[in-house]
Every structure is written in structure tokens, then in C-alpha cells.
Amino acid sequence: MKAITLPAYGGPEALRLTDTREPKVAAGEVLIRVKAAGVNPVDWKIGEGMLDSLMETAFPLIPGWDVAGVVERVGFDVEEFAPGDEVFGYIRKDTVQHGAYAELVSAHVRMLARKPASLSWEQAAAVPLAGLTAHQAVERVGVKAGDTVLVHAAAGGVGMFGVQIAAALGARVIGTASERNHAFVRELGAEPVAYGEGLADRVAELAPRGVDAVLDFVGGDAVDVSLPLLADPRRLASIADPGALAKGGHYVWVRPSPTGLEALGRLADEGRLTVHVEQAFPLAEAAEAWRRNRDGHTRGKLVLIP
């Protein structure tokens, strides 16, 4: 099968389109014919060795944790899925080696759910990691109807989902974004505010009594800027700043969750969650997708198509 591989740690220039063996399918797993694979910052961070102290990694490495595709074969004990089923998932394995940038990938059933009927393959592949990250951050801070929620990086891959999930729960959402993305943030259901100096004052103008919860999807000084606007620091969650823990908030590292995927799928099929894919690249152009993702100016998500 064709796959994108890394022979050793390296950047986009080290990625290669190669022929490699078909994955084995262990007990509890299914083999998926990949229709689309999501591109996330963690992909190139792993590739460049930034997470070497945290994760067991083996080479040659096939990157990618987001997949949407069709079940081709099932493990001998699998009852949850059958060949022909359309699925999507966040396939984070114990050892990073056999990922989704390939024509075929194996995945444990605990990482998968049925693909939402309303989403294209590209859209479905854009959901799992970013969507689950946002979903779990929203749950961690207990967003509820009537809350005013500040979402940092509202136009980004995770922020796009955070805004819509919070809005679907009945919250008022204020989202930080660059000026060029303000119309997009409004379409998602948030009131946009510009990044940069004076951000706290701009948020305070919109919410004079402060905000009830904060979702930091960008890092930098977002936590420090947000805390004076928030009555209870326990209602702050960051996916980019571990220092949030010491300040009374939460640091969220996403976990695979079929129930979370199902919840996101329901929102999509109910018309309450749209998925913006900025660009779909052929598998052979994975290096360019990494470069675009590293630039940090993507609106929504990037995906690869085998």
C-alpha cells in the first residue's frame, strides 16, 4: 500500500511517499480503507521529535491520528463493526508508528464511531482530534445555557468546534480571531474580538460583568489575559498552556472517545455543527500540508486524500 513515511525525526522535507506493508489487524481492531486523513499540529511536532520525551516512537513512522474511511476487515472478536461500515476516529496508539497517512490503517474499536451521514469524507476526517479536544475542554469547564464563554483562537481547527459546541449548549460565545476571520467567527456563532494588546478591555466592553468560562486554544498569554475576566479560575481550560493548572484551571490533553465522537456526529447531523475544511491535499503533497499547518494561519482544518 502507499503511505507517507518518515525514516527518522525530521520536518516536511523528510516525508516520503512509499510502498509499505498492509497493517496487521489484532483482536479488537478493524482495518480501514482510508478515504481522508486529518492534519494536526501534533503530527509535525511528533515528526520533528518535539514529543520524544512523552511518546514511544518507532521508525519508519507513518504520521496521522485522524481518519475517516470504510471498514475493510475486522479482528476475530470484533462485533461493533462489519466490512463496509463507514467510520471516523482519533486513532492514537500506544506506540506512534502506524498512522492514518496511508491507504490502509488499523484501529481499535474504542477509537472509532460511525461516520456522520451529513459530513463528507474530508469533513469527517477533520473532526476527531480537534472536535474531541474542544468537546472535552467544554465538558471540563462545565459550559451550560446562559454562560458567557470566551474562546481563544476561535477560527482555528479546535476553536471552530469549541465555539459551536458551546453555542449548541446555549452559551453566549465571544471568540478571539484575526480581523480577516471575524466574518467566519460570526458564522460559527460567536462575537469576534481582535487579538493583541487591549484584548481584555475589548472583551470587557462586550461582557462588563466578565465571562463565566474560558477555553484557551492558542497558548501564549491567553491564560493570564483571561483570568481577570473570570470569577472562578476552575472554569478555565487550556490545551496549550500547562501553566493553567498552577493558576487553578485545567490543562486538557485529548483522549480517544467513541461517545464523544457520537456526540459530535449528532450535532453535525442535526445541523448544529459545521466543519470547515480549508484545503484537501493529495497524499503525495503531505509535506505542503505540514508547511501550511505549521504557518498557523489555517481557517478550520487541512486534510489528506489517499
Protein backbone atom coordinates (compact mmCIF):
# COMPACT_ATOMS: atom_id res chain seq x y z
CA MET A 1 0.00 0.00 0.00
CA LYS A 2 1.01 3.65 -0.41
CA ALA A 3 1.82 5.63 2.73
CA ILE A 4 3.65 8.76 3.83
CA THR A 5 6.63 7.78 5.96
CA LEU A 6 9.39 9.39 7.99
CA PRO A 7 12.65 7.36 8.17
CA ALA A 8 13.77 9.37 11.24
CA TYR A 9 12.81 12.57 13.01
CA GLY A 10 12.53 15.46 10.59
CA GLY A 11 10.37 18.18 9.11
CA PRO A 12 8.21 18.31 5.98
CA GLU A 13 11.22 17.84 3.73
CA ALA A 14 11.80 14.38 5.25
CA LEU A 15 8.35 12.99 4.35
CA ARG A 16 8.32 10.31 1.64
CA LEU A 17 5.54 8.61 -0.33
CA THR A 18 6.49 4.93 -0.15
CA ASP A 19 5.19 1.41 -0.62
CA THR A 20 4.82 -0.36 2.70
CA ARG A 21 3.18 -3.47 4.08
CA GLU A 22 -0.51 -3.70 4.87
CA PRO A 23 -1.23 -3.29 8.61
CA LYS A 24 -1.99 -6.32 10.73
CA VAL A 25 -5.41 -6.47 12.38
CA ALA A 26 -5.25 -7.54 16.01
CA ALA A 27 -8.05 -8.57 18.36
CA GLY A 28 -10.36 -5.62 18.97
CA GLU A 29 -9.22 -3.87 15.81
CA VAL A 30 -10.53 -3.18 12.33
CA LEU A 31 -8.72 -2.45 9.08
CA ILE A 32 -9.87 0.82 7.49
CA ARG A 33 -9.62 1.82 3.83
CA VAL A 34 -8.71 5.49 4.32
CA LYS A 35 -10.87 8.00 2.46
CA ALA A 36 -9.34 11.04 4.17
CA ALA A 37 -6.87 11.77 6.97
CA GLY A 38 -6.82 14.90 9.11
CA VAL A 39 -3.69 17.05 9.52
CA ASN A 40 -2.98 18.36 13.02
CA PRO A 41 -0.10 20.28 14.63
CA VAL A 42 0.72 17.23 16.74
CA ASP A 43 1.59 15.35 13.53
CA TRP A 44 4.56 17.53 12.62
CA LYS A 45 5.51 18.06 16.26
CA ILE A 46 5.89 14.29 16.65
CA GLY A 47 7.73 14.16 13.32
CA GLU A 48 10.24 16.75 14.47
CA GLY A 49 10.85 14.95 17.77
CA MET A 50 9.18 17.56 19.99
CA LEU A 51 7.26 14.87 21.91
CA ASP A 52 10.06 12.33 22.11
CA SER A 53 10.19 12.56 25.91
CA LEU A 54 6.48 11.69 26.13
CA MET A 55 5.76 9.12 23.44
CA GLU A 56 7.25 5.86 22.29
CA THR A 57 8.01 6.33 18.61
CA ALA A 58 9.23 3.75 16.09
CA PHE A 59 10.58 4.24 12.56
CA PRO A 60 9.81 4.24 9.74
CA LEU A 61 6.90 6.30 11.01
CA ILE A 62 3.54 6.83 9.28
CA PRO A 63 2.06 10.01 10.83
CA GLY A 64 -1.59 10.85 11.39
CA TRP A 65 -4.18 10.33 14.15
CA ASP A 66 -7.38 11.42 12.34
CA VAL A 67 -9.12 9.08 9.92
CA ALA A 68 -12.36 8.66 8.00
CA GLY A 69 -12.90 5.59 5.89
CA VAL A 70 -14.55 2.24 5.23
CA VAL A 71 -14.02 -0.89 7.31
CA GLU A 72 -12.33 -3.46 5.11
CA ARG A 73 -11.68 -6.26 7.61
CA VAL A 74 -12.36 -6.87 11.31
CA GLY A 75 -10.46 -8.66 14.06
CA PHE A 76 -11.70 -12.11 15.03
CA ASP A 77 -13.50 -10.84 18.16
CA VAL A 78 -14.99 -7.61 16.78
CA GLU A 79 -18.77 -7.25 16.88
CA GLU A 80 -19.10 -3.46 16.86
CA PHE A 81 -18.34 -3.03 13.14
CA ALA A 82 -18.51 -5.05 9.92
CA PRO A 83 -16.85 -4.74 6.50
CA GLY A 84 -18.43 -1.88 4.58
CA ASP A 85 -19.21 0.26 7.63
CA GLU A 86 -18.26 3.94 7.30
CA VAL A 87 -16.31 5.13 10.34
CA PHE A 88 -14.22 8.00 11.66
CA GLY A 89 -11.90 8.20 14.62
CA TYR A 90 -8.95 9.52 16.59
CA ILE A 91 -6.52 6.61 16.34
CA ARG A 92 -3.86 7.35 18.94
CA LYS A 93 -1.97 4.13 19.61
CA ASP A 94 0.41 3.27 22.46
CA THR A 95 3.40 3.44 20.10
CA VAL A 96 3.49 6.09 17.39
CA GLN A 97 4.31 4.32 14.13
CA HIS A 98 1.32 3.18 12.06
CA GLY A 99 -0.84 6.25 11.47
CA ALA A 100 -3.52 7.47 9.07
CA TYR A 101 -1.39 9.00 6.28
CA ALA A 102 -1.86 5.81 4.27
CA GLU A 103 -4.26 3.88 2.07
CA LEU A 104 -5.00 1.48 4.92
CA VAL A 105 -4.78 1.79 8.70
CA SER A 106 -5.73 -0.46 11.60
CA ALA A 107 -7.55 0.96 14.63
CA HIS A 108 -9.05 -0.32 17.86
CA VAL A 109 -12.83 -0.11 18.06
CA ARG A 110 -12.55 2.03 21.22
CA MET A 111 -11.20 4.82 19.00
CA LEU A 112 -13.97 4.79 16.38
CA ALA A 113 -17.58 5.74 15.72
CA ARG A 114 -19.84 5.62 12.71
CA LYS A 115 -19.27 8.46 10.26
CA PRO A 116 -21.97 11.18 10.41
CA ALA A 117 -24.14 10.91 7.31
CA SER A 118 -24.19 14.67 6.81
CA LEU A 119 -20.40 15.03 6.51
CA SER A 120 -18.18 14.40 3.52
CA TRP A 121 -15.14 12.17 3.94
CA GLU A 122 -12.93 15.24 4.16
CA GLN A 123 -15.13 16.87 6.78
CA ALA A 124 -15.37 13.67 8.84
CA ALA A 125 -11.57 13.32 8.86
CA ALA A 126 -11.27 16.89 10.13
CA VAL A 127 -13.39 16.22 13.22
CA PRO A 128 -11.88 13.60 15.57
CA LEU A 129 -8.82 15.09 17.30
CA ALA A 130 -9.84 18.74 17.14
CA GLY A 131 -13.50 18.07 17.79
CA LEU A 132 -12.83 15.80 20.74
CA THR A 133 -10.31 18.28 22.15
CA ALA A 134 -12.92 21.03 22.09
CA HIS A 135 -15.65 18.72 23.40
CA GLN A 136 -13.55 17.59 26.35
CA ALA A 137 -12.45 21.15 27.17
CA VAL A 138 -16.07 22.33 27.13
CA GLU A 139 -17.04 19.46 29.44
CA ARG A 140 -14.12 20.19 31.78
CA VAL A 141 -15.29 23.75 32.47
CA GLY A 142 -18.98 22.81 32.61
CA VAL A 143 -20.36 25.12 29.92
CA LYS A 144 -24.12 25.47 30.23
CA ALA A 145 -27.02 27.51 28.88
CA GLY A 146 -26.76 31.17 29.81
CA ASP A 147 -22.98 31.18 30.25
CA THR A 148 -20.77 33.71 28.53
CA VAL A 149 -17.75 31.82 27.18
CA LEU A 150 -14.50 33.30 25.87
CA VAL A 151 -12.87 31.12 23.20
CA HIS A 152 -9.30 31.91 22.18
CA ALA A 153 -8.34 31.12 18.54
CA ALA A 154 -11.99 30.77 17.60
CA ALA A 155 -11.29 30.36 13.86
CA GLY A 156 -8.69 27.62 14.27
CA GLY A 157 -9.07 23.87 14.00
CA VAL A 158 -10.07 23.36 17.65
CA GLY A 159 -11.67 26.77 18.20
CA MET A 160 -14.08 26.19 15.32
CA PHE A 161 -15.53 23.25 17.26
CA GLY A 162 -15.33 24.90 20.68
CA VAL A 163 -17.44 27.84 19.54
CA GLN A 164 -20.14 25.65 18.02
CA ILE A 165 -20.30 23.15 20.90
CA ALA A 166 -20.64 25.94 23.47
CA ALA A 167 -23.27 27.69 21.35
CA ALA A 168 -25.21 24.42 20.95
CA LEU A 169 -25.35 24.21 24.75
CA GLY A 170 -26.99 27.62 24.88
CA ALA A 171 -23.96 29.73 25.80
CA ARG A 172 -23.11 33.17 24.51
CA VAL A 173 -19.67 32.92 22.88
CA ILE A 174 -17.01 35.59 22.42
CA GLY A 175 -14.19 34.45 20.13
CA THR A 176 -10.74 35.89 19.58
CA ALA A 177 -9.52 35.91 15.97
CA SER A 178 -7.60 37.98 13.46
CA GLU A 179 -9.63 40.63 11.65
CA ARG A 180 -9.71 38.59 8.44
CA ASN A 181 -11.51 35.77 10.28
CA HIS A 182 -14.18 37.83 12.05
CA ALA A 183 -16.91 37.07 9.49
CA PHE A 184 -16.10 33.36 9.77
CA VAL A 185 -16.29 33.51 13.58
CA ARG A 186 -19.70 35.16 13.35
CA GLU A 187 -20.88 32.37 11.05
CA LEU A 188 -19.79 29.86 13.70
CA GLY A 189 -21.98 31.61 16.26
CA ALA A 190 -19.56 33.81 18.22
CA GLU A 191 -19.00 37.54 18.67
CA PRO A 192 -15.46 38.19 17.37
CA VAL A 193 -12.80 40.29 19.07
CA ALA A 194 -9.32 41.02 17.73
CA TYR A 195 -6.15 39.54 19.19
CA GLY A 196 -3.40 41.70 20.62
CA GLU A 197 -2.85 44.46 23.12
CA GLY A 198 -6.04 45.61 24.79
CA LEU A 199 -7.82 42.29 24.32
CA ALA A 200 -9.07 42.21 27.92
CA ASP A 201 -10.58 45.68 27.53
CA ARG A 202 -12.32 44.69 24.29
CA VAL A 203 -13.79 41.59 25.93
CA ALA A 204 -14.88 43.66 28.95
CA GLU A 205 -16.76 46.02 26.63
CA LEU A 206 -18.78 43.06 25.35
CA ALA A 207 -19.13 41.44 28.77
CA PRO A 208 -18.92 44.14 31.50
CA ARG A 209 -19.59 41.58 34.25
CA GLY A 210 -16.86 39.28 32.99
CA VAL A 211 -17.13 35.82 31.46
CA ASP A 212 -18.23 32.55 33.02
CA ALA A 213 -15.77 30.23 31.28
CA VAL A 214 -12.62 30.42 29.14
CA LEU A 215 -11.34 27.99 26.52
CA ASP A 216 -7.71 28.65 25.55
CA PHE A 217 -6.85 27.03 22.22
CA VAL A 218 -3.83 29.19 21.41
CA GLY A 219 -1.44 29.48 24.38
CA GLY A 220 0.89 32.44 24.80
CA ASP A 221 -0.51 34.94 27.29
CA ALA A 222 -4.15 33.84 26.83
CA VAL A 223 -4.45 32.37 30.33
CA ASP A 224 -3.01 35.44 32.05
CA VAL A 225 -5.15 37.82 29.99
CA SER A 226 -8.29 35.79 30.73
CA LEU A 227 -8.04 35.27 34.47
CA PRO A 228 -9.03 38.85 35.48
CA LEU A 229 -12.21 38.42 33.37
CA LEU A 230 -13.17 35.20 35.12
CA ALA A 231 -14.73 34.86 38.59
CA ASP A 232 -13.71 31.21 39.08
CA PRO A 233 -10.34 30.02 37.67
CA ARG A 234 -11.64 26.43 37.79
CA ARG A 235 -13.71 27.31 34.74
CA LEU A 236 -10.66 27.91 32.55
CA ALA A 237 -9.25 25.15 30.32
CA SER A 238 -6.17 25.38 28.13
CA ILE A 239 -4.89 22.91 25.57
CA ALA A 240 -1.69 24.88 25.00
CA ASP A 241 -0.51 26.12 28.42
CA PRO A 242 0.21 23.56 31.17
CA GLY A 243 0.69 26.53 33.50
CA ALA A 244 -3.09 26.81 33.67
CA LEU A 245 -3.02 24.07 36.31
CA ALA A 246 -0.95 26.10 38.76
CA LYS A 247 -3.37 29.02 38.31
CA GLY A 248 -6.41 26.99 39.26
CA GLY A 249 -7.55 25.97 35.79
CA HIS A 250 -7.36 22.82 33.69
CA TYR A 251 -4.85 21.54 31.15
CA VAL A 252 -6.57 19.31 28.58
CA TRP A 253 -4.82 16.58 26.57
CA VAL A 254 -7.43 14.88 24.42
CA ARG A 255 -8.27 11.17 24.77
CA PRO A 256 -9.97 8.89 22.24
CA SER A 257 -13.71 8.66 22.97
CA PRO A 258 -16.36 6.89 20.86
CA THR A 259 -19.12 8.58 22.89
CA GLY A 260 -17.56 11.97 22.22
CA LEU A 261 -17.37 11.21 18.51
CA GLU A 262 -21.00 10.12 18.55
CA ALA A 263 -22.00 13.39 20.26
CA LEU A 264 -20.13 15.40 17.64
CA GLY A 265 -21.74 13.33 14.90
CA ARG A 266 -25.20 14.02 16.27
CA LEU A 267 -24.53 17.76 16.33
CA ALA A 268 -23.38 17.59 12.72
CA ASP A 269 -26.38 15.58 11.56
CA GLU A 270 -28.72 17.96 13.43
CA GLY A 271 -27.21 20.89 11.55
CA ARG A 272 -25.68 22.43 14.66
CA LEU A 273 -22.03 21.69 13.79
CA THR A 274 -20.42 22.69 10.52
CA VAL A 275 -16.91 21.57 9.60
CA HIS A 276 -14.77 23.93 7.54
CA VAL A 277 -12.01 22.23 5.54
CA GLU A 278 -9.77 24.92 4.10
CA GLN A 279 -7.95 22.57 1.74
CA ALA A 280 -7.66 18.88 0.88
CA PHE A 281 -4.24 17.75 -0.36
CA PRO A 282 -3.36 14.56 -2.24
CA LEU A 283 -1.42 12.18 -0.01
CA ALA A 284 1.73 12.84 -2.04
CA GLU A 285 1.56 16.52 -1.01
CA ALA A 286 1.65 15.84 2.74
CA ALA A 287 4.81 17.97 3.07
CA GLU A 288 2.97 21.03 1.78
CA ALA A 289 0.07 20.33 4.16
CA TRP A 290 2.55 20.27 7.05
CA ARG A 291 4.07 23.56 5.95
CA ARG A 292 0.64 25.17 5.78
CA ASN A 293 -0.31 23.79 9.18
CA ARG A 294 2.94 25.00 10.74
CA ASP A 295 2.27 28.53 9.49
CA GLY A 296 -0.59 28.68 11.99
CA HIS A 297 -2.98 30.72 9.84
CA THR A 298 -5.33 27.98 8.69
CA ARG A 299 -9.05 28.67 8.94
CA GLY A 300 -10.58 25.39 10.08
CA LYS A 301 -8.75 22.21 9.04
CA LEU A 302 -6.50 20.64 6.40
CA VAL A 303 -6.86 17.04 5.25
CA LEU A 304 -5.09 14.49 3.05
CA ILE A 305 -6.75 12.23 0.48
CA PRO A 306 -5.04 8.93 -0.46
